[in-house]
């Protein structure tokens, strides 16, 4: 019987990491733009990824591992005009957390303070 070579062992060790790789902040920023445009009428004027420099917050929930990406975004205040249309006024800064669940490959957005995130997690990257 032939033995597995070092290359085969290396592939087996690296394959799970490649399958479960999570997006970094540059890719997460692009995903945030897409998810935001699906949900909200106000356009993003500026995005600041990882504003506190802590990285990505990883926690285990009932659905498995969950990753939280922190952003500060500037959006215009939308005001309804007399004719019913929306007009933009001023800019405001909003804290946004984008949650990624690899098991279901889903993203959603939350407007919460950091201290309201699930406990027991750790900061990575």
PDB file of N, CA and C in Angstrom:
ATOM      1  N   UNK A   1       0.842  -1.184   0.000  1.00  0.00           N
ATOM      2  CA  UNK A   1       0.000   0.000   0.000  1.00  0.00           C
ATOM      3  C   UNK A   1       0.881   1.239   0.000  1.00  0.00           C
ATOM      4  N   UNK A   2       0.505   2.206  -0.745  1.00  0.00           N
ATOM      5  CA  UNK A   2       1.284   3.422  -0.878  1.00  0.00           C
ATOM      6  C   UNK A   2       0.937   4.414   0.231  1.00  0.00           C
ATOM      7  N   UNK A   3       1.946   5.073   0.782  1.00  0.00           N
ATOM      8  CA  UNK A   3       1.727   6.048   1.856  1.00  0.00           C
ATOM      9  C   UNK A   3       1.426   7.421   1.268  1.00  0.00           C
ATOM     10  N   UNK A   4       0.616   8.163   2.012  1.00  0.00           N
ATOM     11  CA  UNK A   4       0.294   9.536   1.582  1.00  0.00           C
ATOM     12  C   UNK A   4       1.531  10.394   1.732  1.00  0.00           C
ATOM     13  N   UNK A   5       1.793  11.169   0.739  1.00  0.00           N
ATOM     14  CA  UNK A   5       2.948  12.051   0.770  1.00  0.00           C
ATOM     15  C   UNK A   5       2.680  13.305   1.580  1.00  0.00           C
ATOM     16  N   UNK A   6       3.735  14.061   1.822  1.00  0.00           N
ATOM     17  CA  UNK A   6       3.594  15.292   2.604  1.00  0.00           C
ATOM     18  C   UNK A   6       2.657  16.306   1.944  1.00  0.00           C
ATOM     19  N   UNK A   7       2.581  16.283   0.623  1.00  0.00           N
ATOM     20  CA  UNK A   7       1.699  17.226  -0.066  1.00  0.00           C
ATOM     21  C   UNK A   7       0.238  16.908   0.249  1.00  0.00           C
ATOM     22  N   UNK A   8      -0.110  15.636   0.247  1.00  0.00           N
ATOM     23  CA  UNK A   8      -1.489  15.241   0.547  1.00  0.00           C
ATOM     24  C   UNK A   8      -1.863  15.619   1.973  1.00  0.00           C
ATOM     25  N   UNK A   9      -0.954  15.437   2.898  1.00  0.00           N
ATOM     26  CA  UNK A   9      -1.214  15.807   4.296  1.00  0.00           C
ATOM     27  C   UNK A   9      -1.395  17.317   4.414  1.00  0.00           C
ATOM     28  N   UNK A  10      -0.561  18.067   3.729  1.00  0.00           N
ATOM     29  CA  UNK A  10      -0.665  19.523   3.758  1.00  0.00           C
ATOM     30  C   UNK A  10      -2.013  19.987   3.198  1.00  0.00           C
ATOM     31  N   UNK A  11      -2.459  19.374   2.120  1.00  0.00           N
ATOM     32  CA  UNK A  11      -3.755  19.729   1.528  1.00  0.00           C
ATOM     33  C   UNK A  11      -4.884  19.443   2.512  1.00  0.00           C
ATOM     34  N   UNK A  12      -4.827  18.304   3.176  1.00  0.00           N
ATOM     35  CA  UNK A  12      -5.864  17.968   4.152  1.00  0.00           C
ATOM     36  C   UNK A  12      -5.885  18.939   5.326  1.00  0.00           C
ATOM     37  N   UNK A  13      -4.727  19.443   5.705  1.00  0.00           N
ATOM     38  CA  UNK A  13      -4.667  20.392   6.816  1.00  0.00           C
ATOM     39  C   UNK A  13      -5.161  21.777   6.414  1.00  0.00           C
ATOM     40  N   UNK A  14      -4.897  22.186   5.180  1.00  0.00           N
ATOM     41  CA  UNK A  14      -5.272  23.526   4.736  1.00  0.00           C
ATOM     42  C   UNK A  14      -6.692  23.619   4.197  1.00  0.00           C
ATOM     43  N   UNK A  15      -7.248  22.541   3.716  1.00  0.00           N
ATOM     44  CA  UNK A  15      -8.574  22.558   3.115  1.00  0.00           C
ATOM     45  C   UNK A  15      -9.659  23.057   4.064  1.00  0.00           C
ATOM     46  N   UNK A  16      -9.758  22.570   5.295  1.00  0.00           N
ATOM     47  CA  UNK A  16     -10.811  23.089   6.181  1.00  0.00           C
ATOM     48  C   UNK A  16     -10.684  24.586   6.430  1.00  0.00           C
ATOM     49  N   UNK A  17      -9.487  25.096   6.536  1.00  0.00           N
ATOM     50  CA  UNK A  17      -9.299  26.534   6.740  1.00  0.00           C
ATOM     51  C   UNK A  17      -9.808  27.334   5.565  1.00  0.00           C
ATOM     52  N   UNK A  18      -9.604  26.837   4.368  1.00  0.00           N
ATOM     53  CA  UNK A  18     -10.090  27.525   3.182  1.00  0.00           C
ATOM     54  C   UNK A  18     -11.604  27.485   3.069  1.00  0.00           C
ATOM     55  N   UNK A  19     -12.207  26.383   3.485  1.00  0.00           N
ATOM     56  CA  UNK A  19     -13.654  26.274   3.421  1.00  0.00           C
ATOM     57  C   UNK A  19     -14.338  27.174   4.438  1.00  0.00           C
ATOM     58  N   UNK A  20     -13.720  27.354   5.581  1.00  0.00           N
ATOM     59  CA  UNK A  20     -14.342  28.126   6.661  1.00  0.00           C
ATOM     60  C   UNK A  20     -13.738  29.513   6.813  1.00  0.00           C
ATOM     61  N   UNK A  21     -13.023  29.989   5.813  1.00  0.00           N
ATOM     62  CA  UNK A  21     -12.417  31.317   5.901  1.00  0.00           C
ATOM     63  C   UNK A  21     -13.516  32.368   5.990  1.00  0.00           C
ATOM     64  N   UNK A  22     -13.327  33.310   6.879  1.00  0.00           N
ATOM     65  CA  UNK A  22     -14.313  34.375   7.034  1.00  0.00           C
ATOM     66  C   UNK A  22     -13.817  35.622   6.316  1.00  0.00           C
ATOM     67  N   UNK A  23     -14.733  36.483   5.900  1.00  0.00           N
ATOM     68  CA  UNK A  23     -14.309  37.700   5.207  1.00  0.00           C
ATOM     69  C   UNK A  23     -13.512  38.623   6.120  1.00  0.00           C
ATOM     70  N   UNK A  24     -12.513  39.279   5.567  1.00  0.00           N
ATOM     71  CA  UNK A  24     -11.809  40.327   6.291  1.00  0.00           C
ATOM     72  C   UNK A  24     -12.608  41.616   6.178  1.00  0.00           C
ATOM     73  N   UNK A  25     -12.100  42.687   6.785  1.00  0.00           N
ATOM     74  CA  UNK A  25     -12.849  43.942   6.779  1.00  0.00           C
ATOM     75  C   UNK A  25     -13.017  44.543   5.386  1.00  0.00           C
ATOM     76  N   UNK A  26     -12.061  44.355   4.482  1.00  0.00           N
ATOM     77  CA  UNK A  26     -12.228  44.933   3.136  1.00  0.00           C
ATOM     78  C   UNK A  26     -13.394  44.267   2.407  1.00  0.00           C
ATOM     79  N   UNK A  27     -13.482  42.948   2.499  1.00  0.00           N
ATOM     80  CA  UNK A  27     -14.599  42.242   1.870  1.00  0.00           C
ATOM     81  C   UNK A  27     -15.902  42.529   2.619  1.00  0.00           C
ATOM     82  N   UNK A  28     -15.835  42.616   3.946  1.00  0.00           N
ATOM     83  CA  UNK A  28     -17.026  42.905   4.749  1.00  0.00           C
ATOM     84  C   UNK A  28     -17.590  44.288   4.424  1.00  0.00           C
ATOM     85  N   UNK A  29     -16.724  45.238   4.105  1.00  0.00           N
ATOM     86  CA  UNK A  29     -17.185  46.581   3.736  1.00  0.00           C
ATOM     87  C   UNK A  29     -18.012  46.535   2.454  1.00  0.00           C
ATOM     88  N   UNK A  30     -17.573  45.755   1.484  1.00  0.00           N
ATOM     89  CA  UNK A  30     -18.336  45.613   0.240  1.00  0.00           C
ATOM     90  C   UNK A  30     -19.676  44.932   0.499  1.00  0.00           C
ATOM     91  N   UNK A  31     -19.670  43.927   1.370  1.00  0.00           N
ATOM     92  CA  UNK A  31     -20.914  43.236   1.713  1.00  0.00           C
ATOM     93  C   UNK A  31     -21.854  44.191   2.443  1.00  0.00           C
ATOM     94  N   UNK A  32     -21.301  45.015   3.338  1.00  0.00           N
ATOM     95  CA  UNK A  32     -22.114  46.006   4.050  1.00  0.00           C
ATOM     96  C   UNK A  32     -22.822  46.929   3.065  1.00  0.00           C
ATOM     97  N   UNK A  33     -22.116  47.402   2.054  1.00  0.00           N
ATOM     98  CA  UNK A  33     -22.721  48.291   1.053  1.00  0.00           C
ATOM     99  C   UNK A  33     -23.906  47.609   0.362  1.00  0.00           C
ATOM    100  N   UNK A  34     -23.728  46.342   0.007  1.00  0.00           N
ATOM    101  CA  UNK A  34     -24.798  45.597  -0.661  1.00  0.00           C
ATOM    102  C   UNK A  34     -25.996  45.402   0.263  1.00  0.00           C
ATOM    103  N   UNK A  35     -25.721  44.958   1.495  1.00  0.00           N
ATOM    104  CA  UNK A  35     -26.799  44.705   2.452  1.00  0.00           C
ATOM    105  C   UNK A  35     -27.531  46.000   2.801  1.00  0.00           C
ATOM    106  N   UNK A  36     -26.796  47.091   2.950  1.00  0.00           N
ATOM    107  CA  UNK A  36     -27.405  48.378   3.277  1.00  0.00           C
ATOM    108  C   UNK A  36     -28.358  48.817   2.161  1.00  0.00           C
ATOM    109  N   UNK A  37     -27.902  48.719   0.921  1.00  0.00           N
ATOM    110  CA  UNK A  37     -28.737  49.186  -0.198  1.00  0.00           C
ATOM    111  C   UNK A  37     -30.003  48.342  -0.356  1.00  0.00           C
ATOM    112  N   UNK A  38     -29.985  47.091   0.081  1.00  0.00           N
ATOM    113  CA  UNK A  38     -31.179  46.245   0.029  1.00  0.00           C
ATOM    114  C   UNK A  38     -32.222  46.680   1.052  1.00  0.00           C
ATOM    115  N   UNK A  39     -31.758  47.260   2.175  1.00  0.00           N
ATOM    116  CA  UNK A  39     -32.649  47.494   3.308  1.00  0.00           C
ATOM    117  C   UNK A  39     -33.074  48.943   3.532  1.00  0.00           C
ATOM    118  N   UNK A  40     -32.220  49.905   3.197  1.00  0.00           N
ATOM    119  CA  UNK A  40     -32.457  51.286   3.610  1.00  0.00           C
ATOM    120  C   UNK A  40     -32.414  52.245   2.423  1.00  0.00           C
ATOM    121  N   UNK A  41     -33.288  53.266   2.448  1.00  0.00           N
ATOM    122  CA  UNK A  41     -33.307  54.221   1.337  1.00  0.00           C
ATOM    123  C   UNK A  41     -32.167  55.239   1.388  1.00  0.00           C
ATOM    124  N   UNK A  42     -31.615  55.498   2.564  1.00  0.00           N
ATOM    125  CA  UNK A  42     -30.526  56.481   2.687  1.00  0.00           C
ATOM    126  C   UNK A  42     -29.228  55.867   2.174  1.00  0.00           C
ATOM    127  N   UNK A  43     -28.515  56.616   1.357  1.00  0.00           N
ATOM    128  CA  UNK A  43     -27.250  56.106   0.827  1.00  0.00           C
ATOM    129  C   UNK A  43     -26.123  56.331   1.833  1.00  0.00           C
ATOM    130  N   UNK A  44     -25.150  55.456   1.805  1.00  0.00           N
ATOM    131  CA  UNK A  44     -23.985  55.597   2.680  1.00  0.00           C
ATOM    132  C   UNK A  44     -23.056  56.658   2.100  1.00  0.00           C
ATOM    133  N   UNK A  45     -22.711  57.654   2.890  1.00  0.00           N
ATOM    134  CA  UNK A  45     -21.807  58.712   2.430  1.00  0.00           C
ATOM    135  C   UNK A  45     -20.358  58.389   2.779  1.00  0.00           C
ATOM    136  N   UNK A  46     -20.140  57.762   3.934  1.00  0.00           N
ATOM    137  CA  UNK A  46     -18.790  57.314   4.291  1.00  0.00           C
ATOM    138  C   UNK A  46     -18.897  56.106   5.205  1.00  0.00           C
ATOM    139  N   UNK A  47     -17.872  55.263   5.144  1.00  0.00           N
ATOM    140  CA  UNK A  47     -17.825  54.049   5.958  1.00  0.00           C
ATOM    141  C   UNK A  47     -16.465  53.980   6.625  1.00  0.00           C
ATOM    142  N   UNK A  48     -16.471  53.770   7.920  1.00  0.00           N
ATOM    143  CA  UNK A  48     -15.220  53.561   8.649  1.00  0.00           C
ATOM    144  C   UNK A  48     -15.279  52.161   9.255  1.00  0.00           C
ATOM    145  N   UNK A  49     -14.485  51.255   8.712  1.00  0.00           N
ATOM    146  CA  UNK A  49     -14.455  49.874   9.184  1.00  0.00           C
ATOM    147  C   UNK A  49     -13.539  49.748  10.389  1.00  0.00           C
ATOM    148  N   UNK A  50     -13.944  48.913  11.343  1.00  0.00           N
ATOM    149  CA  UNK A  50     -13.138  48.610  12.528  1.00  0.00           C
ATOM    150  C   UNK A  50     -12.676  49.893  13.234  1.00  0.00           C
ATOM    151  N   UNK A  51     -13.605  50.783  13.599  1.00  0.00           N
ATOM    152  CA  UNK A  51     -13.222  52.095  14.129  1.00  0.00           C
ATOM    153  C   UNK A  51     -12.435  52.047  15.434  1.00  0.00           C
ATOM    154  N   UNK A  52     -12.622  51.018  16.235  1.00  0.00           N
ATOM    155  CA  UNK A  52     -11.904  50.920  17.507  1.00  0.00           C
ATOM    156  C   UNK A  52     -10.624  50.107  17.389  1.00  0.00           C
ATOM    157  N   UNK A  53     -10.400  49.503  16.235  1.00  0.00           N
ATOM    158  CA  UNK A  53      -9.190  48.725  16.018  1.00  0.00           C
ATOM    159  C   UNK A  53      -9.148  47.404  16.768  1.00  0.00           C
ATOM    160  N   UNK A  54     -10.313  46.890  17.160  1.00  0.00           N
ATOM    161  CA  UNK A  54     -10.353  45.644  17.931  1.00  0.00           C
ATOM    162  C   UNK A  54     -10.416  44.401  17.051  1.00  0.00           C
ATOM    163  N   UNK A  55     -10.813  44.544  15.820  1.00  0.00           N
ATOM    164  CA  UNK A  55     -10.906  43.396  14.926  1.00  0.00           C
ATOM    165  C   UNK A  55     -12.332  42.894  14.802  1.00  0.00           C
ATOM    166  N   UNK A  56     -12.466  41.606  14.607  1.00  0.00           N
ATOM    167  CA  UNK A  56     -13.760  40.949  14.412  1.00  0.00           C
ATOM    168  C   UNK A  56     -14.113  40.224  15.704  1.00  0.00           C
ATOM    169  N   UNK A  57     -15.355  40.378  16.149  1.00  0.00           N
ATOM    170  CA  UNK A  57     -15.806  39.736  17.385  1.00  0.00           C
ATOM    171  C   UNK A  57     -16.426  38.391  17.031  1.00  0.00           C
ATOM    172  N   UNK A  58     -15.865  37.318  17.600  1.00  0.00           N
ATOM    173  CA  UNK A  58     -16.347  35.959  17.318  1.00  0.00           C
ATOM    174  C   UNK A  58     -17.027  35.411  18.561  1.00  0.00           C
ATOM    175  N   UNK A  59     -18.205  34.870  18.384  1.00  0.00           N
ATOM    176  CA  UNK A  59     -18.926  34.271  19.498  1.00  0.00           C
ATOM    177  C   UNK A  59     -19.642  33.015  19.014  1.00  0.00           C
ATOM    178  N   UNK A  60     -19.986  32.171  19.955  1.00  0.00           N
ATOM    179  CA  UNK A  60     -20.725  30.948  19.619  1.00  0.00           C
ATOM    180  C   UNK A  60     -22.168  31.135  20.062  1.00  0.00           C
ATOM    181  N   UNK A  61     -23.076  30.988  19.112  1.00  0.00           N
ATOM    182  CA  UNK A  61     -24.501  31.075  19.393  1.00  0.00           C
ATOM    183  C   UNK A  61     -25.127  29.720  19.097  1.00  0.00           C
ATOM    184  N   UNK A  62     -26.424  29.594  19.296  1.00  0.00           N
ATOM    185  CA  UNK A  62     -27.087  28.307  19.079  1.00  0.00           C
ATOM    186  C   UNK A  62     -26.918  27.808  17.644  1.00  0.00           C
ATOM    187  N   UNK A  63     -26.805  28.722  16.700  1.00  0.00           N
ATOM    188  CA  UNK A  63     -26.646  28.342  15.291  1.00  0.00           C
ATOM    189  C   UNK A  63     -25.189  28.068  14.913  1.00  0.00           C
ATOM    190  N   UNK A  64     -24.273  28.170  15.871  1.00  0.00           N
ATOM    191  CA  UNK A  64     -22.857  27.948  15.591  1.00  0.00           C
ATOM    192  C   UNK A  64     -22.063  29.227  15.756  1.00  0.00           C
ATOM    193  N   UNK A  65     -20.888  29.263  15.151  1.00  0.00           N
ATOM    194  CA  UNK A  65     -20.045  30.452  15.252  1.00  0.00           C
ATOM    195  C   UNK A  65     -20.693  31.629  14.537  1.00  0.00           C
ATOM    196  N   UNK A  66     -20.564  32.794  15.156  1.00  0.00           N
ATOM    197  CA  UNK A  66     -21.085  34.031  14.585  1.00  0.00           C
ATOM    198  C   UNK A  66     -20.006  35.089  14.687  1.00  0.00           C
ATOM    199  N   UNK A  67     -19.847  35.878  13.636  1.00  0.00           N
ATOM    200  CA  UNK A  67     -18.821  36.921  13.581  1.00  0.00           C
ATOM    201  C   UNK A  67     -19.492  38.285  13.452  1.00  0.00           C
ATOM    202  N   UNK A  68     -18.999  39.248  14.227  1.00  0.00           N
ATOM    203  CA  UNK A  68     -19.536  40.608  14.214  1.00  0.00           C
ATOM    204  C   UNK A  68     -18.463  41.574  13.712  1.00  0.00           C
ATOM    205  N   UNK A  69     -18.828  42.375  12.721  1.00  0.00           N
ATOM    206  CA  UNK A  69     -17.940  43.388  12.144  1.00  0.00           C
ATOM    207  C   UNK A  69     -18.480  44.756  12.538  1.00  0.00           C
ATOM    208  N   UNK A  70     -17.613  45.616  13.043  1.00  0.00           N
ATOM    209  CA  UNK A  70     -18.029  46.926  13.533  1.00  0.00           C
ATOM    210  C   UNK A  70     -17.734  48.001  12.487  1.00  0.00           C
ATOM    211  N   UNK A  71     -18.710  48.880  12.263  1.00  0.00           N
ATOM    212  CA  UNK A  71     -18.566  49.985  11.320  1.00  0.00           C
ATOM    213  C   UNK A  71     -19.159  51.254  11.920  1.00  0.00           C
ATOM    214  N   UNK A  72     -18.619  52.377  11.503  1.00  0.00           N
ATOM    215  CA  UNK A  72     -19.255  53.686  11.719  1.00  0.00           C
ATOM    216  C   UNK A  72     -19.546  54.232  10.338  1.00  0.00           C
ATOM    217  N   UNK A  73     -20.804  54.519  10.095  1.00  0.00           N
ATOM    218  CA  UNK A  73     -21.202  55.007   8.780  1.00  0.00           C
ATOM    219  C   UNK A  73     -21.847  56.380   8.905  1.00  0.00           C
ATOM    220  N   UNK A  74     -21.669  57.191   7.884  1.00  0.00           N
ATOM    221  CA  UNK A  74     -22.340  58.490   7.809  1.00  0.00           C
ATOM    222  C   UNK A  74     -23.449  58.380   6.782  1.00  0.00           C
ATOM    223  N   UNK A  75     -24.638  58.760   7.212  1.00  0.00           N
ATOM    224  CA  UNK A  75     -25.806  58.719   6.334  1.00  0.00           C
ATOM    225  C   UNK A  75     -26.555  60.043   6.442  1.00  0.00           C
ATOM    226  N   UNK A  76     -27.227  60.440   5.379  1.00  0.00           N
ATOM    227  CA  UNK A  76     -28.020  61.671   5.462  1.00  0.00           C
ATOM    228  C   UNK A  76     -29.314  61.423   6.240  1.00  0.00           C
ATOM    229  N   UNK A  77     -29.765  62.447   6.927  1.00  0.00           N
ATOM    230  CA  UNK A  77     -31.086  62.377   7.556  1.00  0.00           C
ATOM    231  C   UNK A  77     -32.115  62.534   6.442  1.00  0.00           C
ATOM    232  N   UNK A  78     -33.055  61.632   6.405  1.00  0.00           N
ATOM    233  CA  UNK A  78     -34.108  61.712   5.393  1.00  0.00           C
ATOM    234  C   UNK A  78     -35.335  62.373   6.012  1.00  0.00           C
ATOM    235  N   UNK A  79     -35.839  63.387   5.335  1.00  0.00           N
ATOM    236  CA  UNK A  79     -37.007  64.122   5.807  1.00  0.00           C
ATOM    237  C   UNK A  79     -38.054  64.090   4.702  1.00  0.00           C
ATOM    238  N   UNK A  80     -39.286  63.842   5.102  1.00  0.00           N
ATOM    239  CA  UNK A  80     -40.360  63.796   4.113  1.00  0.00           C
ATOM    240  C   UNK A  80     -40.800  65.219   3.776  1.00  0.00           C
ATOM    241  N   UNK A  81     -40.761  65.539   2.511  1.00  0.00           N
ATOM    242  CA  UNK A  81     -41.182  66.862   2.037  1.00  0.00           C
ATOM    243  C   UNK A  81     -42.711  66.922   1.983  1.00  0.00           C
ATOM    244  N   UNK A  82     -43.238  68.105   1.776  1.00  0.00           N
ATOM    245  CA  UNK A  82     -44.688  68.286   1.731  1.00  0.00           C
ATOM    246  C   UNK A  82     -45.341  67.484   0.613  1.00  0.00           C
ATOM    247  N   UNK A  83     -44.616  67.283  -0.470  1.00  0.00           N
ATOM    248  CA  UNK A  83     -45.174  66.507  -1.580  1.00  0.00           C
ATOM    249  C   UNK A  83     -45.052  64.998  -1.373  1.00  0.00           C
ATOM    250  N   UNK A  84     -44.498  64.579  -0.223  1.00  0.00           N
ATOM    251  CA  UNK A  84     -44.377  63.156   0.096  1.00  0.00           C
ATOM    252  C   UNK A  84     -43.046  62.539  -0.279  1.00  0.00           C
ATOM    253  N   UNK A  85     -42.226  63.264  -1.005  1.00  0.00           N
ATOM    254  CA  UNK A  85     -40.918  62.720  -1.391  1.00  0.00           C
ATOM    255  C   UNK A  85     -39.939  62.843  -0.222  1.00  0.00           C
ATOM    256  N   UNK A  86     -38.865  62.087  -0.305  1.00  0.00           N
ATOM    257  CA  UNK A  86     -37.827  62.145   0.723  1.00  0.00           C
ATOM    258  C   UNK A  86     -36.712  63.069   0.265  1.00  0.00           C
ATOM    259  N   UNK A  87     -36.259  63.921   1.160  1.00  0.00           N
ATOM    260  CA  UNK A  87     -35.106  64.759   0.838  1.00  0.00           C
ATOM    261  C   UNK A  87     -34.054  64.570   1.923  1.00  0.00           C
ATOM    262  N   UNK A  88     -32.805  64.758   1.532  1.00  0.00           N
ATOM    263  CA  UNK A  88     -31.681  64.549   2.444  1.00  0.00           C
ATOM    264  C   UNK A  88     -31.307  65.853   3.132  1.00  0.00           C
ATOM    265  N   UNK A  89     -31.078  65.750   4.445  1.00  0.00           N
ATOM    266  CA  UNK A  89     -30.604  66.891   5.232  1.00  0.00           C
ATOM    267  C   UNK A  89     -29.471  66.417   6.129  1.00  0.00           C
ATOM    268  N   UNK A  90     -28.481  67.248   6.310  1.00  0.00           N
ATOM    269  CA  UNK A  90     -27.379  66.964   7.237  1.00  0.00           C
ATOM    270  C   UNK A  90     -26.886  65.522   7.132  1.00  0.00           C
ATOM    271  N   UNK A  91     -25.810  65.241   7.818  1.00  0.00           N
ATOM    272  CA  UNK A  91     -25.299  63.874   7.931  1.00  0.00           C
ATOM    273  C   UNK A  91     -25.287  63.481   9.398  1.00  0.00           C
ATOM    274  N   UNK A  92     -25.500  62.222   9.645  1.00  0.00           N
ATOM    275  CA  UNK A  92     -25.350  61.719  11.006  1.00  0.00           C
ATOM    276  C   UNK A  92     -24.510  60.456  10.961  1.00  0.00           C
ATOM    277  N   UNK A  93     -23.802  60.210  12.056  1.00  0.00           N
ATOM    278  CA  UNK A  93     -22.950  59.028  12.160  1.00  0.00           C
ATOM    279  C   UNK A  93     -23.681  57.965  12.967  1.00  0.00           C
ATOM    280  N   UNK A  94     -23.647  56.742  12.457  1.00  0.00           N
ATOM    281  CA  UNK A  94     -24.369  55.634  13.067  1.00  0.00           C
ATOM    282  C   UNK A  94     -23.401  54.475  13.285  1.00  0.00           C
ATOM    283  N   UNK A  95     -23.512  53.820  14.454  1.00  0.00           N
ATOM    284  CA  UNK A  95     -22.745  52.597  14.728  1.00  0.00           C
ATOM    285  C   UNK A  95     -23.519  51.419  14.130  1.00  0.00           C
ATOM    286  N   UNK A  96     -22.851  50.606  13.341  1.00  0.00           N
ATOM    287  CA  UNK A  96     -23.492  49.450  12.716  1.00  0.00           C
ATOM    288  C   UNK A  96     -22.637  48.218  12.968  1.00  0.00           C
ATOM    289  N   UNK A  97     -23.281  47.141  13.342  1.00  0.00           N
ATOM    290  CA  UNK A  97     -22.618  45.838  13.457  1.00  0.00           C
ATOM    291  C   UNK A  97     -23.200  44.936  12.383  1.00  0.00           C
ATOM    292  N   UNK A  98     -22.324  44.350  11.575  1.00  0.00           N
ATOM    293  CA  UNK A  98     -22.767  43.384  10.586  1.00  0.00           C
ATOM    294  C   UNK A  98     -22.466  42.000  11.138  1.00  0.00           C
ATOM    295  N   UNK A  99     -23.508  41.181  11.222  1.00  0.00           N
ATOM    296  CA  UNK A  99     -23.363  39.830  11.763  1.00  0.00           C
ATOM    297  C   UNK A  99     -23.275  38.838  10.610  1.00  0.00           C
ATOM    298  N   UNK A 100     -22.293  37.945  10.688  1.00  0.00           N
ATOM    299  CA  UNK A 100     -22.106  36.914   9.670  1.00  0.00           C
ATOM    300  C   UNK A 100     -22.202  35.555  10.337  1.00  0.00           C
ATOM    301  N   UNK A 101     -23.071  34.705   9.798  1.00  0.00           N
ATOM    302  CA  UNK A 101     -23.232  33.331  10.281  1.00  0.00           C
ATOM    303  C   UNK A 101     -22.792  32.387   9.168  1.00  0.00           C
ATOM    304  N   UNK A 102     -21.588  31.815   9.292  1.00  0.00           N
ATOM    305  CA  UNK A 102     -21.071  30.955   8.213  1.00  0.00           C
ATOM    306  C   UNK A 102     -21.921  29.716   7.956  1.00  0.00           C
ATOM    307  N   UNK A 103     -22.546  29.153   8.992  1.00  0.00           N
ATOM    308  CA  UNK A 103     -23.324  27.928   8.805  1.00  0.00           C
ATOM    309  C   UNK A 103     -24.463  28.139   7.811  1.00  0.00           C
ATOM    310  N   UNK A 104     -25.072  29.313   7.832  1.00  0.00           N
ATOM    311  CA  UNK A 104     -26.161  29.603   6.898  1.00  0.00           C
ATOM    312  C   UNK A 104     -25.739  30.601   5.819  1.00  0.00           C
ATOM    313  N   UNK A 105     -24.481  31.030   5.859  1.00  0.00           N
ATOM    314  CA  UNK A 105     -23.923  32.015   4.929  1.00  0.00           C
ATOM    315  C   UNK A 105     -24.846  33.233   4.819  1.00  0.00           C
ATOM    316  N   UNK A 106     -25.226  33.774   5.995  1.00  0.00           N
ATOM    317  CA  UNK A 106     -26.143  34.912   6.010  1.00  0.00           C
ATOM    318  C   UNK A 106     -25.528  36.108   6.726  1.00  0.00           C
ATOM    319  N   UNK A 107     -25.950  37.283   6.296  1.00  0.00           N
ATOM    320  CA  UNK A 107     -25.501  38.544   6.881  1.00  0.00           C
ATOM    321  C   UNK A 107     -26.725  39.328   7.317  1.00  0.00           C
ATOM    322  N   UNK A 108     -26.614  40.037   8.444  1.00  0.00           N
ATOM    323  CA  UNK A 108     -27.634  41.003   8.806  1.00  0.00           C
ATOM    324  C   UNK A 108     -26.985  42.161   9.540  1.00  0.00           C
ATOM    325  N   UNK A 109     -27.742  43.234   9.693  1.00  0.00           N
ATOM    326  CA  UNK A 109     -27.213  44.458  10.282  1.00  0.00           C
ATOM    327  C   UNK A 109     -27.921  44.744  11.595  1.00  0.00           C
ATOM    328  N   UNK A 110     -27.160  45.254  12.569  1.00  0.00           N
ATOM    329  CA  UNK A 110     -27.728  45.604  13.872  1.00  0.00           C
ATOM    330  C   UNK A 110     -27.189  46.954  14.305  1.00  0.00           C
ATOM    331  N   UNK A 111     -28.040  47.718  14.947  1.00  0.00           N
ATOM    332  CA  UNK A 111     -27.674  49.038  15.458  1.00  0.00           C
ATOM    333  C   UNK A 111     -27.667  48.957  16.980  1.00  0.00           C
ATOM    334  N   UNK A 112     -26.590  48.415  17.537  1.00  0.00           N
ATOM    335  CA  UNK A 112     -26.484  48.230  18.989  1.00  0.00           C
ATOM    336  C   UNK A 112     -25.128  48.729  19.472  1.00  0.00           C
ATOM    337  N   UNK A 113     -25.051  48.934  20.780  1.00  0.00           N
ATOM    338  CA  UNK A 113     -23.766  49.274  21.391  1.00  0.00           C
ATOM    339  C   UNK A 113     -22.959  47.987  21.565  1.00  0.00           C
ATOM    340  N   UNK A 114     -21.656  48.143  21.653  1.00  0.00           N
ATOM    341  CA  UNK A 114     -20.776  46.980  21.795  1.00  0.00           C
ATOM    342  C   UNK A 114     -21.110  46.168  23.041  1.00  0.00           C
ATOM    343  N   UNK A 115     -21.485  46.840  24.144  1.00  0.00           N
ATOM    344  CA  UNK A 115     -21.766  46.115  25.382  1.00  0.00           C
ATOM    345  C   UNK A 115     -23.050  45.284  25.304  1.00  0.00           C
ATOM    346  N   UNK A 116     -23.824  45.417  24.244  1.00  0.00           N
ATOM    347  CA  UNK A 116     -25.036  44.625  24.078  1.00  0.00           C
ATOM    348  C   UNK A 116     -24.845  43.421  23.152  1.00  0.00           C
ATOM    349  N   UNK A 117     -23.628  43.219  22.677  1.00  0.00           N
ATOM    350  CA  UNK A 117     -23.337  42.026  21.881  1.00  0.00           C
ATOM    351  C   UNK A 117     -23.346  40.807  22.795  1.00  0.00           C
ATOM    352  N   UNK A 118     -23.542  39.609  22.242  1.00  0.00           N
ATOM    353  CA  UNK A 118     -23.514  38.407  23.078  1.00  0.00           C
ATOM    354  C   UNK A 118     -22.190  38.294  23.835  1.00  0.00           C
ATOM    355  N   UNK A 119     -22.262  37.859  25.070  1.00  0.00           N
ATOM    356  CA  UNK A 119     -21.047  37.741  25.883  1.00  0.00           C
ATOM    357  C   UNK A 119     -20.324  36.430  25.588  1.00  0.00           C
ATOM    358  N   UNK A 120     -19.118  36.323  26.098  1.00  0.00           N
ATOM    359  CA  UNK A 120     -18.348  35.099  25.961  1.00  0.00           C
ATOM    360  C   UNK A 120     -17.574  34.979  24.668  1.00  0.00           C
ATOM    361  N   UNK A 121     -17.529  36.024  23.891  1.00  0.00           N
ATOM    362  CA  UNK A 121     -16.816  35.972  22.621  1.00  0.00           C
ATOM    363  C   UNK A 121     -15.379  36.429  22.762  1.00  0.00           C
ATOM    364  N   UNK A 122     -14.683  36.461  21.651  1.00  0.00           N
ATOM    365  CA  UNK A 122     -13.295  36.931  21.652  1.00  0.00           C
ATOM    366  C   UNK A 122     -13.053  37.741  20.380  1.00  0.00           C
ATOM    367  N   UNK A 123     -12.071  38.629  20.457  1.00  0.00           N
ATOM    368  CA  UNK A 123     -11.703  39.465  19.315  1.00  0.00           C
ATOM    369  C   UNK A 123     -10.611  38.765  18.523  1.00  0.00           C
ATOM    370  N   UNK A 124     -10.793  38.691  17.222  1.00  0.00           N
ATOM    371  CA  UNK A 124      -9.790  38.071  16.356  1.00  0.00           C
ATOM    372  C   UNK A 124      -9.378  39.079  15.296  1.00  0.00           C
ATOM    373  N   UNK A 125      -8.194  38.883  14.715  1.00  0.00           N
ATOM    374  CA  UNK A 125      -7.627  39.729  13.664  1.00  0.00           C
ATOM    375  C   UNK A 125      -7.586  41.156  14.090  1.00  0.00           C
TER     376      UNK A 125
END
